[in-house]
Amino acid sequence: LATPLEAPSLNTLLDAVAARAQVSRPARFHSANPSQDWLLEARSVETSGGMIFYLVNHSDETIETTVSLPFEAGKVMDLRRPWRSVNLNRIRTAPGRAGIYAISREHHADEE
């Protein structure tokens, strides 16, 4: 008899499967409410200078997202509204809306 998993449990299971399969995920996206993670579409691509990613909110409520990166972030820019300040610990995406962001890698003097 099969029983469907709740969204947070399924998310935990898929994280374990990805780790076991040694699938790398360059960025991780988490909402403040884990049950909303399934309603947030997130895609990213690494570049030589950092990363570009987008978020799409498929829910009926604003979703607040935290972004975890495999590198120290430098400048973060909202590509649709470049004048707007972006905090990777609190990106708010309105219902049915998308955000597109660019993140540069933080460079240290000893790396050059």
N, C-alpha and C. Protein backbone atom coordinates (compact mmCIF):
# COMPACT_ATOMS: atom_id res chain seq x y z
N LEU A 1 0.85 -1.18 0.00
CA LEU A 1 0.00 0.00 0.00
C LEU A 1 0.90 1.24 0.00
N ALA A 2 0.77 2.07 -0.99
CA ALA A 2 1.59 3.28 -1.10
C ALA A 2 0.89 4.47 -0.47
N THR A 3 1.67 5.26 0.24
CA THR A 3 1.15 6.47 0.87
C THR A 3 1.96 7.64 0.35
N PRO A 4 1.29 8.68 -0.17
CA PRO A 4 2.06 9.84 -0.65
C PRO A 4 2.73 10.58 0.50
N LEU A 5 3.92 11.10 0.24
CA LEU A 5 4.64 11.86 1.25
C LEU A 5 4.19 13.31 1.24
N GLU A 6 4.22 13.92 2.42
CA GLU A 6 3.97 15.36 2.51
C GLU A 6 5.12 16.07 1.79
N ALA A 7 4.90 17.28 1.29
CA ALA A 7 5.93 18.01 0.54
C ALA A 7 7.26 18.12 1.28
N PRO A 8 7.27 18.50 2.58
CA PRO A 8 8.58 18.60 3.27
C PRO A 8 9.31 17.25 3.35
N SER A 9 8.56 16.16 3.55
CA SER A 9 9.19 14.84 3.62
C SER A 9 9.74 14.42 2.27
N LEU A 10 9.01 14.72 1.22
CA LEU A 10 9.47 14.40 -0.13
C LEU A 10 10.73 15.21 -0.46
N ASN A 11 10.75 16.47 -0.03
CA ASN A 11 11.91 17.33 -0.24
C ASN A 11 13.14 16.73 0.46
N THR A 12 12.96 16.25 1.68
CA THR A 12 14.05 15.62 2.43
C THR A 12 14.53 14.35 1.72
N LEU A 13 13.60 13.54 1.24
CA LEU A 13 13.95 12.32 0.52
C LEU A 13 14.74 12.64 -0.75
N LEU A 14 14.28 13.60 -1.52
CA LEU A 14 14.97 13.96 -2.76
C LEU A 14 16.36 14.55 -2.48
N ASP A 15 16.50 15.30 -1.39
CA ASP A 15 17.82 15.80 -1.00
C ASP A 15 18.76 14.63 -0.73
N ALA A 16 18.27 13.61 -0.02
CA ALA A 16 19.09 12.43 0.30
C ALA A 16 19.46 11.67 -0.96
N VAL A 17 18.52 11.52 -1.89
CA VAL A 17 18.78 10.81 -3.15
C VAL A 17 19.83 11.58 -3.96
N ALA A 18 19.71 12.91 -4.05
CA ALA A 18 20.68 13.72 -4.79
C ALA A 18 22.06 13.60 -4.17
N ALA A 19 22.13 13.64 -2.85
CA ALA A 19 23.42 13.51 -2.16
C ALA A 19 24.04 12.14 -2.42
N ARG A 20 23.23 11.10 -2.33
CA ARG A 20 23.73 9.73 -2.55
C ARG A 20 24.22 9.55 -4.00
N ALA A 21 23.52 10.18 -4.94
CA ALA A 21 23.87 10.07 -6.36
C ALA A 21 25.01 11.02 -6.72
N GLN A 22 25.46 11.80 -5.74
CA GLN A 22 26.53 12.78 -5.93
C GLN A 22 26.19 13.80 -7.01
N VAL A 23 24.93 14.22 -7.01
CA VAL A 23 24.48 15.27 -7.91
C VAL A 23 24.80 16.59 -7.25
N SER A 24 25.50 17.45 -7.96
CA SER A 24 25.85 18.74 -7.36
C SER A 24 24.74 19.74 -7.65
N ARG A 25 24.50 20.57 -6.67
CA ARG A 25 23.55 21.66 -6.84
C ARG A 25 24.30 22.93 -6.47
N PRO A 26 24.63 23.75 -7.46
CA PRO A 26 25.45 24.92 -7.19
C PRO A 26 24.79 25.93 -6.25
N ALA A 27 23.49 26.00 -6.23
CA ALA A 27 22.78 26.93 -5.35
C ALA A 27 21.59 26.21 -4.75
N ARG A 28 21.22 26.60 -3.55
CA ARG A 28 20.06 26.03 -2.88
C ARG A 28 19.09 27.16 -2.58
N PHE A 29 17.83 26.91 -2.78
CA PHE A 29 16.78 27.90 -2.57
C PHE A 29 15.79 27.34 -1.57
N HIS A 30 15.54 28.07 -0.49
CA HIS A 30 14.60 27.62 0.55
C HIS A 30 13.68 28.76 0.91
N SER A 31 12.39 28.45 1.06
CA SER A 31 11.45 29.45 1.53
C SER A 31 11.36 29.38 3.04
N ALA A 32 10.81 30.42 3.64
CA ALA A 32 10.64 30.46 5.09
C ALA A 32 9.69 29.35 5.54
N ASN A 33 8.77 28.96 4.67
CA ASN A 33 7.82 27.89 4.96
C ASN A 33 8.13 26.73 4.01
N PRO A 34 8.76 25.64 4.50
CA PRO A 34 9.18 24.54 3.62
C PRO A 34 8.06 23.94 2.76
N SER A 35 6.82 24.05 3.21
CA SER A 35 5.73 23.51 2.38
C SER A 35 5.52 24.35 1.12
N GLN A 36 6.10 25.55 1.07
CA GLN A 36 6.00 26.40 -0.12
C GLN A 36 7.10 26.12 -1.13
N ASP A 37 8.13 25.36 -0.74
CA ASP A 37 9.26 25.11 -1.65
C ASP A 37 8.80 24.50 -2.97
N TRP A 38 7.76 23.72 -2.93
CA TRP A 38 7.26 23.06 -4.15
C TRP A 38 6.55 24.03 -5.08
N LEU A 39 6.23 25.22 -4.56
CA LEU A 39 5.54 26.22 -5.37
C LEU A 39 6.51 27.28 -5.90
N LEU A 40 7.79 27.06 -5.64
CA LEU A 40 8.82 27.99 -6.09
C LEU A 40 9.70 27.29 -7.12
N GLU A 41 9.74 27.85 -8.31
CA GLU A 41 10.62 27.31 -9.36
C GLU A 41 11.90 28.12 -9.33
N ALA A 42 13.03 27.44 -9.25
CA ALA A 42 14.32 28.12 -9.19
C ALA A 42 15.29 27.43 -10.13
N ARG A 43 15.94 28.20 -10.95
CA ARG A 43 16.95 27.68 -11.88
C ARG A 43 18.17 28.58 -11.79
N SER A 44 19.33 27.98 -11.92
CA SER A 44 20.55 28.77 -11.85
C SER A 44 21.59 28.24 -12.82
N VAL A 45 22.51 29.12 -13.19
CA VAL A 45 23.65 28.73 -14.02
C VAL A 45 24.87 29.48 -13.49
N GLU A 46 25.96 28.73 -13.31
CA GLU A 46 27.20 29.37 -12.86
C GLU A 46 27.93 29.94 -14.07
N THR A 47 28.56 31.07 -13.85
CA THR A 47 29.39 31.71 -14.87
C THR A 47 30.79 31.85 -14.29
N SER A 48 31.73 32.26 -15.09
CA SER A 48 33.09 32.43 -14.56
C SER A 48 33.13 33.50 -13.48
N GLY A 49 32.23 34.46 -13.55
CA GLY A 49 32.24 35.55 -12.58
C GLY A 49 31.26 35.39 -11.44
N GLY A 50 30.41 34.34 -11.48
CA GLY A 50 29.42 34.18 -10.42
C GLY A 50 28.28 33.28 -10.82
N MET A 51 27.07 33.82 -10.74
CA MET A 51 25.88 33.02 -11.01
C MET A 51 24.72 33.91 -11.44
N ILE A 52 23.88 33.36 -12.30
CA ILE A 52 22.62 34.00 -12.67
C ILE A 52 21.53 33.02 -12.30
N PHE A 53 20.45 33.51 -11.69
CA PHE A 53 19.34 32.62 -11.36
C PHE A 53 18.01 33.35 -11.47
N TYR A 54 16.96 32.55 -11.63
CA TYR A 54 15.62 33.13 -11.59
C TYR A 54 14.75 32.34 -10.63
N LEU A 55 13.75 33.03 -10.10
CA LEU A 55 12.75 32.43 -9.22
C LEU A 55 11.38 32.73 -9.80
N VAL A 56 10.49 31.74 -9.82
CA VAL A 56 9.11 31.95 -10.23
C VAL A 56 8.23 31.44 -9.10
N ASN A 57 7.32 32.28 -8.65
CA ASN A 57 6.40 31.92 -7.56
C ASN A 57 5.09 31.42 -8.18
N HIS A 58 4.82 30.13 -8.00
CA HIS A 58 3.59 29.53 -8.54
C HIS A 58 2.48 29.45 -7.49
N SER A 59 2.67 30.11 -6.35
CA SER A 59 1.66 30.05 -5.29
C SER A 59 0.75 31.26 -5.34
N ASP A 60 -0.22 31.28 -4.42
CA ASP A 60 -1.15 32.40 -4.30
C ASP A 60 -0.69 33.42 -3.26
N GLU A 61 0.49 33.17 -2.67
CA GLU A 61 1.02 34.05 -1.63
C GLU A 61 2.46 34.46 -1.98
N THR A 62 2.88 35.60 -1.43
CA THR A 62 4.28 36.01 -1.60
C THR A 62 5.16 34.99 -0.90
N ILE A 63 6.25 34.60 -1.55
CA ILE A 63 7.20 33.66 -0.96
C ILE A 63 8.51 34.38 -0.68
N GLU A 64 9.01 34.20 0.53
CA GLU A 64 10.29 34.76 0.93
C GLU A 64 11.32 33.64 0.84
N THR A 65 12.39 33.87 0.09
CA THR A 65 13.38 32.84 -0.21
C THR A 65 14.76 33.20 0.31
N THR A 66 15.47 32.17 0.77
CA THR A 66 16.88 32.29 1.14
C THR A 66 17.70 31.54 0.11
N VAL A 67 18.79 32.14 -0.36
CA VAL A 67 19.66 31.52 -1.35
C VAL A 67 21.00 31.16 -0.70
N SER A 68 21.39 29.90 -0.82
CA SER A 68 22.69 29.44 -0.31
C SER A 68 23.59 29.15 -1.50
N LEU A 69 24.81 29.68 -1.47
CA LEU A 69 25.74 29.56 -2.59
C LEU A 69 26.98 28.78 -2.20
N PRO A 70 27.66 28.19 -3.19
CA PRO A 70 28.91 27.48 -2.92
C PRO A 70 30.12 28.41 -2.91
N PHE A 71 29.88 29.71 -2.97
CA PHE A 71 30.97 30.70 -2.96
C PHE A 71 30.49 31.93 -2.21
N GLU A 72 31.45 32.78 -1.84
CA GLU A 72 31.12 34.02 -1.15
C GLU A 72 30.59 35.03 -2.17
N ALA A 73 29.39 35.53 -1.91
CA ALA A 73 28.76 36.45 -2.85
C ALA A 73 29.37 37.84 -2.76
N GLY A 74 29.54 38.43 -3.92
CA GLY A 74 29.94 39.83 -4.01
C GLY A 74 28.68 40.66 -4.23
N LYS A 75 28.63 41.37 -5.32
CA LYS A 75 27.47 42.19 -5.66
C LYS A 75 26.31 41.31 -6.12
N VAL A 76 25.12 41.63 -5.65
CA VAL A 76 23.90 40.93 -6.06
C VAL A 76 23.00 41.96 -6.74
N MET A 77 22.53 41.63 -7.95
CA MET A 77 21.71 42.58 -8.70
C MET A 77 20.41 41.94 -9.18
N ASP A 78 19.31 42.66 -8.99
CA ASP A 78 18.03 42.29 -9.55
C ASP A 78 18.06 42.80 -10.99
N LEU A 79 18.10 41.89 -11.96
CA LEU A 79 18.27 42.30 -13.36
C LEU A 79 17.04 43.01 -13.93
N ARG A 80 15.88 42.79 -13.33
CA ARG A 80 14.67 43.48 -13.80
C ARG A 80 14.54 44.87 -13.17
N ARG A 81 15.12 45.04 -11.96
CA ARG A 81 15.08 46.31 -11.26
C ARG A 81 16.46 46.56 -10.65
N PRO A 82 17.43 46.97 -11.47
CA PRO A 82 18.82 47.09 -11.01
C PRO A 82 19.04 48.11 -9.89
N TRP A 83 18.14 49.04 -9.68
CA TRP A 83 18.27 50.04 -8.64
C TRP A 83 17.88 49.48 -7.27
N ARG A 84 17.26 48.30 -7.25
CA ARG A 84 16.76 47.71 -6.02
C ARG A 84 17.85 46.91 -5.30
N SER A 85 17.94 47.08 -4.01
CA SER A 85 18.90 46.32 -3.18
C SER A 85 18.36 44.89 -2.98
N VAL A 86 19.27 43.90 -3.01
CA VAL A 86 18.87 42.49 -2.87
C VAL A 86 19.61 41.87 -1.70
N ASN A 87 18.88 41.21 -0.82
CA ASN A 87 19.44 40.48 0.31
C ASN A 87 19.21 38.99 0.05
N LEU A 88 20.27 38.19 -0.08
CA LEU A 88 20.12 36.77 -0.41
C LEU A 88 19.43 35.96 0.71
N ASN A 89 19.31 36.55 1.89
CA ASN A 89 18.61 35.88 2.98
C ASN A 89 17.13 36.19 2.99
N ARG A 90 16.70 37.07 2.08
CA ARG A 90 15.28 37.46 2.09
C ARG A 90 14.87 38.04 0.73
N ILE A 91 14.70 37.16 -0.24
CA ILE A 91 14.21 37.60 -1.55
C ILE A 91 12.71 37.33 -1.58
N ARG A 92 11.93 38.37 -1.75
CA ARG A 92 10.47 38.24 -1.77
C ARG A 92 9.99 38.22 -3.22
N THR A 93 9.18 37.17 -3.54
CA THR A 93 8.63 37.05 -4.88
C THR A 93 7.10 36.99 -4.76
N ALA A 94 6.44 37.93 -5.42
CA ALA A 94 4.98 38.03 -5.34
C ALA A 94 4.32 36.86 -6.09
N PRO A 95 3.06 36.57 -5.78
CA PRO A 95 2.35 35.47 -6.45
C PRO A 95 2.34 35.64 -7.97
N GLY A 96 2.70 34.57 -8.68
CA GLY A 96 2.68 34.58 -10.13
C GLY A 96 3.77 35.42 -10.78
N ARG A 97 4.71 35.88 -9.99
CA ARG A 97 5.77 36.75 -10.51
C ARG A 97 7.10 36.02 -10.56
N ALA A 98 8.05 36.60 -11.29
CA ALA A 98 9.39 36.03 -11.41
C ALA A 98 10.43 37.09 -11.08
N GLY A 99 11.55 36.65 -10.58
CA GLY A 99 12.69 37.52 -10.33
C GLY A 99 13.91 36.94 -11.02
N ILE A 100 14.76 37.79 -11.57
CA ILE A 100 15.98 37.36 -12.25
C ILE A 100 17.14 38.11 -11.60
N TYR A 101 18.16 37.35 -11.17
CA TYR A 101 19.24 37.93 -10.37
C TYR A 101 20.60 37.50 -10.89
N ALA A 102 21.59 38.38 -10.70
CA ALA A 102 22.98 38.07 -11.02
C ALA A 102 23.80 38.29 -9.75
N ILE A 103 24.70 37.35 -9.48
CA ILE A 103 25.54 37.42 -8.30
C ILE A 103 26.99 37.29 -8.75
N SER A 104 27.82 38.25 -8.34
CA SER A 104 29.25 38.13 -8.65
C SER A 104 29.94 37.43 -7.50
N ARG A 105 31.06 36.78 -7.81
CA ARG A 105 31.88 36.16 -6.77
C ARG A 105 32.67 37.24 -6.06
N GLU A 106 32.77 37.11 -4.74
CA GLU A 106 33.61 38.02 -3.96
C GLU A 106 35.06 37.67 -4.25
N HIS A 107 35.86 38.66 -4.63
CA HIS A 107 37.28 38.44 -4.89
C HIS A 107 38.09 39.02 -3.76
N HIS A 108 39.09 38.28 -3.34
CA HIS A 108 39.99 38.73 -2.29
C HIS A 108 41.34 39.06 -2.92
N ALA A 109 42.05 39.99 -2.31
CA ALA A 109 43.34 40.44 -2.85
C ALA A 109 44.33 39.29 -3.02
N ASP A 110 44.28 38.29 -2.14
CA ASP A 110 45.24 37.18 -2.23
C ASP A 110 44.91 36.19 -3.35
N GLU A 111 43.77 36.37 -4.03
CA GLU A 111 43.37 35.48 -5.12
C GLU A 111 43.89 35.96 -6.46
N GLU A 112 44.43 37.15 -6.51
CA GLU A 112 44.87 37.72 -7.80
C GLU A 112 46.33 37.53 -8.04
